[in-house]
C-alpha atoms as a PDB file:
ATOM      1  CA  MET A   1     -10.969 -14.282   2.686  1.00  0.00           C
ATOM      2  CA  LYS A   2     -12.908 -16.815   0.707  1.00  0.00           C
ATOM      3  CA  GLY A   3     -14.543 -15.263  -2.343  1.00  0.00           C
ATOM      4  CA  ARG A   4     -12.499 -12.035  -2.236  1.00  0.00           C
ATOM      5  CA  VAL A   5      -9.914 -11.269  -4.861  1.00  0.00           C
ATOM      6  CA  VAL A   6      -6.909  -9.183  -3.863  1.00  0.00           C
ATOM      7  CA  ALA A   7      -6.697  -6.017  -5.968  1.00  0.00           C
ATOM      8  CA  TYR A   8      -2.976  -6.506  -6.678  1.00  0.00           C
ATOM      9  CA  LYS A   9      -0.705  -9.524  -7.097  1.00  0.00           C
ATOM     10  CA  ASP A  10       2.572  -8.103  -5.756  1.00  0.00           C
ATOM     11  CA  VAL A  11       4.220  -4.933  -4.479  1.00  0.00           C
ATOM     12  CA  ARG A  12       5.061  -3.762  -8.003  1.00  0.00           C
ATOM     13  CA  GLU A  13       1.369  -3.847  -8.913  1.00  0.00           C
ATOM     14  CA  TRP A  14       0.472  -2.140  -5.605  1.00  0.00           C
ATOM     15  CA  ILE A  15       2.932   0.644  -6.506  1.00  0.00           C
ATOM     16  CA  GLN A  16       1.292   1.058  -9.932  1.00  0.00           C
ATOM     17  CA  GLN A  17      -2.162   1.347  -8.364  1.00  0.00           C
ATOM     18  CA  VAL A  18      -1.004   3.855  -5.767  1.00  0.00           C
ATOM     19  CA  ALA A  19       0.675   5.913  -8.501  1.00  0.00           C
ATOM     20  CA  ALA A  20      -2.596   5.865 -10.481  1.00  0.00           C
ATOM     21  CA  MET A  21      -4.395   7.130  -7.351  1.00  0.00           C
ATOM     22  CA  GLY A  22      -1.926  10.052  -7.254  1.00  0.00           C
ATOM     23  CA  GLU A  23      -0.535   8.968  -3.884  1.00  0.00           C
ATOM     24  CA  LEU A  24       3.052   8.026  -4.810  1.00  0.00           C
ATOM     25  CA  LYS A  25       6.148  10.201  -4.904  1.00  0.00           C
ATOM     26  CA  THR A  26       9.303   8.741  -6.429  1.00  0.00           C
ATOM     27  CA  ILE A  27      12.586  10.176  -5.168  1.00  0.00           C
ATOM     28  CA  GLU A  28      15.706   9.315  -7.152  1.00  0.00           C
ATOM     29  CA  GLY A  29      19.309   9.562  -6.021  1.00  0.00           C
ATOM     30  CA  ALA A  30      18.712   9.915  -2.283  1.00  0.00           C
ATOM     31  CA  ASP A  31      21.572   9.226   0.102  1.00  0.00           C
ATOM     32  CA  TRP A  32      20.827   6.156   2.235  1.00  0.00           C
ATOM     33  CA  ASN A  33      22.768   7.605   5.152  1.00  0.00           C
ATOM     34  CA  LEU A  34      21.678  11.227   5.132  1.00  0.00           C
ATOM     35  CA  GLU A  35      18.355  11.631   3.351  1.00  0.00           C
ATOM     36  CA  ILE A  36      16.034   8.599   3.274  1.00  0.00           C
ATOM     37  CA  GLY A  37      15.249   8.558   7.006  1.00  0.00           C
ATOM     38  CA  ALA A  38      14.830  12.326   7.226  1.00  0.00           C
ATOM     39  CA  LEU A  39      12.573  12.516   4.157  1.00  0.00           C
ATOM     40  CA  SER A  40      10.445   9.634   5.444  1.00  0.00           C
ATOM     41  CA  VAL A  41       9.904  11.344   8.798  1.00  0.00           C
ATOM     42  CA  LEU A  42       9.137  14.699   7.183  1.00  0.00           C
ATOM     43  CA  ALA A  43       6.597  13.129   4.825  1.00  0.00           C
ATOM     44  CA  SER A  44       4.858  11.294   7.668  1.00  0.00           C
ATOM     45  CA  LYS A  45       4.352  14.568   9.581  1.00  0.00           C
ATOM     46  CA  HIS A  46       1.619  15.462   7.056  1.00  0.00           C
ATOM     47  CA  LYS A  47      -0.513  12.394   7.828  1.00  0.00           C
ATOM     48  CA  GLU A  48      -3.550  13.152   5.646  1.00  0.00           C
ATOM     49  CA  ASP A  49      -1.636  14.347   2.579  1.00  0.00           C
ATOM     50  CA  SER A  50       1.476  12.213   2.929  1.00  0.00           C
ATOM     51  CA  PRO A  51       2.278  10.232  -0.223  1.00  0.00           C
ATOM     52  CA  ALA A  52       3.912   6.830  -0.233  1.00  0.00           C
ATOM     53  CA  LEU A  53       7.591   7.402  -0.981  1.00  0.00           C
ATOM     54  CA  LEU A  54       9.513   5.205  -3.388  1.00  0.00           C
ATOM     55  CA  PHE A  55      13.263   5.774  -3.161  1.00  0.00           C
ATOM     56  CA  ASP A  56      15.002   4.671  -6.351  1.00  0.00           C
ATOM     57  CA  ARG A  57      18.607   4.880  -7.578  1.00  0.00           C
ATOM     58  CA  ILE A  58      19.830   5.051  -3.992  1.00  0.00           C
ATOM     59  CA  LYS A  59      23.378   6.327  -3.558  1.00  0.00           C
ATOM     60  CA  ASP A  60      25.961   3.496  -3.352  1.00  0.00           C
ATOM     61  CA  TYR A  61      23.414   0.785  -4.294  1.00  0.00           C
ATOM     62  CA  PRO A  62      22.964  -0.976  -7.643  1.00  0.00           C
ATOM     63  CA  PRO A  63      20.006  -0.046  -9.861  1.00  0.00           C
ATOM     64  CA  GLY A  64      16.832  -1.898  -8.932  1.00  0.00           C
ATOM     65  CA  TYR A  65      17.342  -1.710  -5.166  1.00  0.00           C
ATOM     66  CA  ARG A  66      14.469   0.439  -3.945  1.00  0.00           C
ATOM     67  CA  ILE A  67      12.841   1.378  -0.637  1.00  0.00           C
ATOM     68  CA  LEU A  68       9.098   1.964  -0.216  1.00  0.00           C
ATOM     69  CA  VAL A  69       7.700   3.747   2.841  1.00  0.00           C
ATOM     70  CA  GLY A  70       4.226   4.941   3.771  1.00  0.00           C
ATOM     71  CA  PHE A  71       2.015   1.941   2.991  1.00  0.00           C
ATOM     72  CA  PHE A  72      -0.571   2.970   5.602  1.00  0.00           C
ATOM     73  CA  GLU A  73      -0.243   6.764   5.696  1.00  0.00           C
ATOM     74  CA  SER A  74      -3.592   7.336   3.943  1.00  0.00           C
ATOM     75  CA  LEU A  75      -6.993   5.743   4.314  1.00  0.00           C
ATOM     76  CA  ARG A  76      -7.107   4.783   0.616  1.00  0.00           C
ATOM     77  CA  ARG A  77      -3.679   3.096   0.706  1.00  0.00           C
ATOM     78  CA  SER A  78      -4.602   1.296   3.922  1.00  0.00           C
ATOM     79  CA  ALA A  79      -7.791   0.030   2.267  1.00  0.00           C
ATOM     80  CA  LEU A  80      -5.904  -1.085  -0.849  1.00  0.00           C
ATOM     81  CA  THR A  81      -3.227  -2.818   1.220  1.00  0.00           C
ATOM     82  CA  THR A  82      -5.750  -4.690   3.374  1.00  0.00           C
ATOM     83  CA  ASN A  83      -8.131  -5.460   0.465  1.00  0.00           C
ATOM     84  CA  LEU A  84     -10.976  -3.276   1.719  1.00  0.00           C
ATOM     85  CA  PRO A  85     -13.214  -1.048  -0.460  1.00  0.00           C
ATOM     86  CA  LEU A  86     -11.476   2.173  -1.576  1.00  0.00           C
ATOM     87  CA  SER A  87     -14.578   4.337  -1.261  1.00  0.00           C
END
């Protein structure tokens, strides 16, 4: 990838860019055992409109432990993730 600059430096910056694109949904307080898997599957059923899901403040885990799902569920996020043009 000589000559190409990646549009983000780490996952935190990727999350900020996806949020700015309106393609991120943050879910706080989900149960790791009962809800995260089910919500991820339900969100992925709507392929074209499915946001990336950021689970934060997960039950029984310390603050700061988060789970991100749905990196490639939209064409724009796939392009951002693989450093391709967004339009």
